[in-house]
Amino acid sequence: MPPRLELRQISKTYSSEGQHVEALCDVSLRLEAGTITALVGRSGCGKSTLLNLAGAMDFPTSGEVLIDGRSTGTLSERELTALRRKRIGFVFQFFQLLPTLTVLENVELPLLLAGETNTSAPALDRLRWVGLAEKAASLPHQLSGGQMQRVAIARALSASPDIIIADEPTGNLDTASGDQVLKLLHESVDRFGATVLMATHSAEAASIAGTRVRMRDGRIAEIETS
């Protein structure tokens, strides 16, 4: 069986006004189902670019990103949209909840975009799982930062995705809230069998990962496993 997510000798170069910047160079990784991998390194080392490529939000200049053995570069726009909506969940540092929607409506959104009709029941189930069912009717501005990130995790898991892409999921949280979010990410692997790829500056966040990939100047400098 192929790995759930594979990055095969990917490079990414950005060009602007005659200047070329190599964000990633010859990066290869294999992520099996039900595992957590943390990308660590200084700002500008290529972590966010790698997340965008892994989540099919962008494409490498060379190399391949494969999900269950199929290259994202071979998919049509319709297939890419379905992939992002049904198989990949995104957790962002700044939550990105829609301010005019209730908590429940935010969690329902990926299901609605995927064409589901019965959305409230599974969305409410995810809110119960993150301990925020009582906040279903609240608006995002009525929540704490930790609560908003828990809602973001509920939203990311609403469609039971195979892959979770998390960009600095604890970056704006206090220690207690960050620990709670990390626990939920870990439980997403145990409960849903998700594959988690997370970029972080936090040693505490990286410690929950079975594989830690240290990046430097767009390259993999070291891979640690535990």
Protein backbone atom coordinates (compact mmCIF):
# COMPACT_ATOMS: atom_id res chain seq x y z
CA MET A 1 0.00 0.00 0.00
CA PRO A 2 1.30 3.49 -0.77
CA PRO A 3 1.69 5.96 2.10
CA ARG A 4 -1.24 8.25 2.83
CA LEU A 5 0.84 11.30 1.84
CA GLU A 6 4.14 11.33 0.00
CA LEU A 7 6.33 14.24 -1.08
CA ARG A 8 8.68 12.98 -3.76
CA GLN A 9 11.71 15.18 -4.51
CA ILE A 10 9.64 18.36 -4.50
CA SER A 11 11.09 21.80 -5.17
CA LYS A 12 9.27 25.13 -5.29
CA THR A 13 10.58 28.32 -6.87
CA TYR A 14 8.77 31.66 -6.79
CA SER A 15 9.49 34.25 -9.47
CA SER A 16 8.72 37.96 -9.30
CA GLU A 17 10.11 40.85 -11.33
CA GLY A 18 12.96 38.78 -12.67
CA GLN A 19 13.93 37.47 -9.23
CA HIS A 20 13.77 33.77 -8.37
CA VAL A 21 13.47 32.49 -4.82
CA GLU A 22 13.82 28.78 -4.10
CA ALA A 23 11.48 28.08 -1.18
CA LEU A 24 11.94 24.30 -1.23
CA CYS A 25 14.65 22.13 -2.74
CA ASP A 26 14.47 18.37 -3.29
CA VAL A 27 12.28 17.51 -0.29
CA SER A 28 11.07 13.93 0.13
CA LEU A 29 8.82 12.63 2.91
CA ARG A 30 6.49 9.67 3.50
CA LEU A 31 3.60 10.00 5.95
CA GLU A 32 1.63 6.88 6.82
CA ALA A 33 -2.00 6.86 7.88
CA GLY A 34 -2.57 7.52 11.59
CA THR A 35 0.70 9.36 12.22
CA ILE A 36 1.75 12.86 13.29
CA THR A 37 4.67 14.63 11.62
CA ALA A 38 5.97 18.00 12.82
CA LEU A 39 7.91 20.44 10.65
CA VAL A 40 10.26 22.57 12.74
CA GLY A 41 12.71 25.30 11.90
CA ARG A 42 13.11 29.06 11.69
CA SER A 43 10.65 31.34 9.93
CA GLY A 44 11.32 31.31 6.19
CA CYS A 45 12.75 27.80 6.13
CA GLY A 46 9.94 26.48 3.90
CA LYS A 47 7.46 25.01 6.39
CA SER A 48 4.39 26.90 5.19
CA THR A 49 5.25 26.31 1.54
CA LEU A 50 5.51 22.61 2.23
CA LEU A 51 2.11 22.63 3.97
CA ASN A 52 0.51 24.38 0.99
CA LEU A 53 1.90 21.76 -1.38
CA ALA A 54 0.89 18.87 0.88
CA GLY A 55 -2.65 20.26 1.13
CA ALA A 56 -2.95 20.69 -2.66
CA MET A 57 -3.32 24.45 -2.24
CA ASP A 58 -0.28 24.91 -4.49
CA PHE A 59 1.89 22.72 -6.68
CA PRO A 60 5.63 22.06 -6.80
CA THR A 61 7.86 23.46 -9.52
CA SER A 62 9.31 19.98 -9.79
CA GLY A 63 8.65 16.67 -8.07
CA GLU A 64 5.34 15.17 -7.00
CA VAL A 65 2.89 15.27 -4.11
CA LEU A 66 0.99 11.98 -3.89
CA ILE A 67 -2.06 11.11 -1.80
CA ASP A 68 -2.63 7.37 -1.58
CA GLY A 69 -0.29 6.99 -4.53
CA ARG A 70 -2.00 9.52 -6.84
CA SER A 71 -0.21 12.71 -7.82
CA THR A 72 -2.12 15.90 -7.06
CA GLY A 73 -0.67 17.39 -10.24
CA THR A 74 -2.71 14.95 -12.36
CA LEU A 75 -6.08 15.90 -10.85
CA SER A 76 -8.65 18.07 -12.56
CA GLU A 77 -9.98 21.23 -10.89
CA ARG A 78 -13.12 19.34 -9.89
CA GLU A 79 -11.09 16.51 -8.39
CA LEU A 80 -8.85 18.97 -6.55
CA THR A 81 -11.85 20.77 -5.08
CA ALA A 82 -13.35 17.48 -3.91
CA LEU A 83 -9.99 16.44 -2.45
CA ARG A 84 -9.65 19.64 -0.41
CA ARG A 85 -13.25 19.55 0.79
CA LYS A 86 -13.58 15.88 1.66
CA ARG A 87 -10.14 14.46 2.39
CA ILE A 88 -8.07 17.32 3.81
CA GLY A 89 -8.79 19.39 6.92
CA PHE A 90 -6.96 22.66 7.60
CA VAL A 91 -6.15 24.22 10.99
CA PHE A 92 -4.65 27.72 10.88
CA GLN A 93 -2.77 29.81 13.44
CA PHE A 94 -5.34 32.62 13.23
CA PHE A 95 -8.40 30.30 13.31
CA GLN A 96 -10.07 31.82 10.19
CA LEU A 97 -13.58 31.36 11.50
CA LEU A 98 -16.22 33.35 9.62
CA PRO A 99 -17.28 36.11 12.06
CA THR A 100 -20.92 36.35 10.94
CA LEU A 101 -21.59 32.61 11.28
CA THR A 102 -22.33 30.85 14.55
CA VAL A 103 -19.93 28.26 15.90
CA LEU A 104 -22.15 25.45 14.61
CA GLU A 105 -22.45 27.06 11.19
CA ASN A 106 -18.66 27.40 10.96
CA VAL A 107 -18.25 23.70 11.67
CA GLU A 108 -21.00 22.81 9.18
CA LEU A 109 -19.40 24.82 6.38
CA PRO A 110 -17.04 22.13 4.99
CA LEU A 111 -19.92 19.66 4.92
CA LEU A 112 -22.14 22.11 3.02
CA LEU A 113 -19.35 22.83 0.54
CA ALA A 114 -18.93 19.10 0.02
CA GLY A 115 -22.62 18.84 -0.91
CA GLU A 116 -23.84 17.15 2.25
CA THR A 117 -27.45 17.75 3.29
CA ASN A 118 -27.51 16.47 6.86
CA THR A 119 -24.87 18.79 8.31
CA SER A 120 -26.03 19.86 11.78
CA ALA A 121 -25.83 16.42 13.43
CA PRO A 122 -22.23 15.58 12.46
CA ALA A 123 -21.14 19.17 13.14
CA LEU A 124 -22.67 19.08 16.60
CA ASP A 125 -20.97 15.73 17.21
CA ARG A 126 -17.59 17.31 16.45
CA LEU A 127 -18.38 20.21 18.80
CA ARG A 128 -19.22 17.73 21.56
CA TRP A 129 -15.91 16.02 20.93
CA VAL A 130 -13.97 19.26 21.43
CA GLY A 131 -16.10 20.13 24.46
CA LEU A 132 -17.94 23.11 22.98
CA ALA A 133 -21.45 21.90 22.20
CA GLU A 134 -22.84 24.53 24.56
CA LYS A 135 -21.26 27.24 22.37
CA ALA A 136 -23.01 26.10 19.17
CA ALA A 137 -25.13 29.27 18.91
CA SER A 138 -22.32 31.66 19.86
CA LEU A 139 -20.44 33.88 17.43
CA PRO A 140 -16.63 33.57 17.17
CA HIS A 141 -15.99 36.93 18.89
CA GLN A 142 -17.71 35.57 21.99
CA LEU A 143 -15.08 32.84 22.40
CA SER A 144 -11.58 32.79 23.84
CA GLY A 145 -8.60 32.07 21.61
CA GLY A 146 -8.38 28.50 22.84
CA GLN A 147 -12.08 27.96 22.22
CA MET A 148 -11.79 29.37 18.69
CA GLN A 149 -8.96 26.98 17.91
CA ARG A 150 -11.00 24.06 19.25
CA VAL A 151 -13.84 25.13 16.94
CA ALA A 152 -11.32 25.27 14.09
CA ILE A 153 -10.30 21.68 14.86
CA ALA A 154 -13.95 20.62 14.96
CA ARG A 155 -14.42 22.28 11.56
CA ALA A 156 -11.30 20.60 10.15
CA LEU A 157 -12.64 17.21 11.25
CA SER A 158 -16.28 17.76 10.28
CA ALA A 159 -15.91 15.75 7.06
CA SER A 160 -13.69 13.09 8.73
CA PRO A 161 -10.68 13.95 6.53
CA ASP A 162 -7.80 11.58 5.94
CA ILE A 163 -5.20 14.36 6.26
CA ILE A 164 -5.02 17.32 8.67
CA ILE A 165 -2.74 20.23 7.75
CA ALA A 166 -2.00 22.36 10.83
CA ASP A 167 -0.01 25.61 10.59
CA GLU A 168 1.23 26.79 14.02
CA PRO A 169 -1.96 25.50 15.72
CA THR A 170 -0.80 26.68 19.16
CA GLY A 171 1.01 29.83 18.04
CA ASN A 172 -1.50 32.31 19.49
CA LEU A 173 -2.55 30.35 22.56
CA ASP A 174 -1.57 30.28 26.20
CA THR A 175 0.02 27.12 27.58
CA ALA A 176 -3.17 25.54 28.91
CA SER A 177 -5.13 26.18 25.71
CA GLY A 178 -2.21 25.01 23.59
CA ASP A 179 -1.98 21.77 25.54
CA GLN A 180 -5.69 21.17 25.01
CA VAL A 181 -5.38 21.74 21.26
CA LEU A 182 -2.42 19.35 21.04
CA LYS A 183 -4.41 16.72 22.92
CA LEU A 184 -7.24 17.07 20.40
CA LEU A 185 -4.85 16.74 17.46
CA HIS A 186 -3.41 13.60 18.99
CA GLU A 187 -6.89 12.22 19.62
CA SER A 188 -7.83 12.91 15.98
CA VAL A 189 -5.26 10.30 15.01
CA ASP A 190 -6.58 7.76 17.52
CA ARG A 191 -10.28 8.42 16.87
CA PHE A 192 -10.39 9.13 13.12
CA GLY A 193 -7.15 7.60 11.87
CA ALA A 194 -6.10 10.97 10.46
CA THR A 195 -2.60 11.73 9.22
CA VAL A 196 -1.43 15.02 10.76
CA LEU A 197 1.23 17.26 9.21
CA MET A 198 1.96 20.22 11.48
CA ALA A 199 4.33 23.19 11.23
CA THR A 200 5.37 24.60 14.59
CA HIS A 201 7.94 26.66 16.46
CA SER A 202 6.86 25.04 19.72
CA ALA A 203 8.93 22.26 21.28
CA GLU A 204 5.83 21.16 23.20
CA ALA A 205 3.81 20.86 19.99
CA ALA A 206 6.60 19.00 18.20
CA SER A 207 6.86 16.54 21.08
CA ILE A 208 3.48 14.93 20.22
CA ALA A 209 4.77 13.95 16.77
CA GLY A 210 6.22 10.55 16.05
CA THR A 211 8.37 12.16 13.36
CA ARG A 212 10.03 15.58 13.60
CA VAL A 213 11.43 17.07 10.41
CA ARG A 214 13.92 19.88 10.95
CA MET A 215 14.09 22.22 7.98
CA ARG A 216 16.74 24.74 7.02
CA ASP A 217 16.80 26.99 3.94
CA GLY A 218 14.15 24.99 2.10
CA ARG A 219 15.78 21.63 2.70
CA ILE A 220 15.41 18.83 5.20
CA ALA A 221 18.29 19.08 7.63
CA GLU A 222 17.35 16.21 9.96
CA ILE A 223 14.56 13.72 10.60
CA GLU A 224 13.97 12.41 14.14
CA THR A 225 11.60 9.60 15.02
CA SER A 226 10.32 8.36 18.36
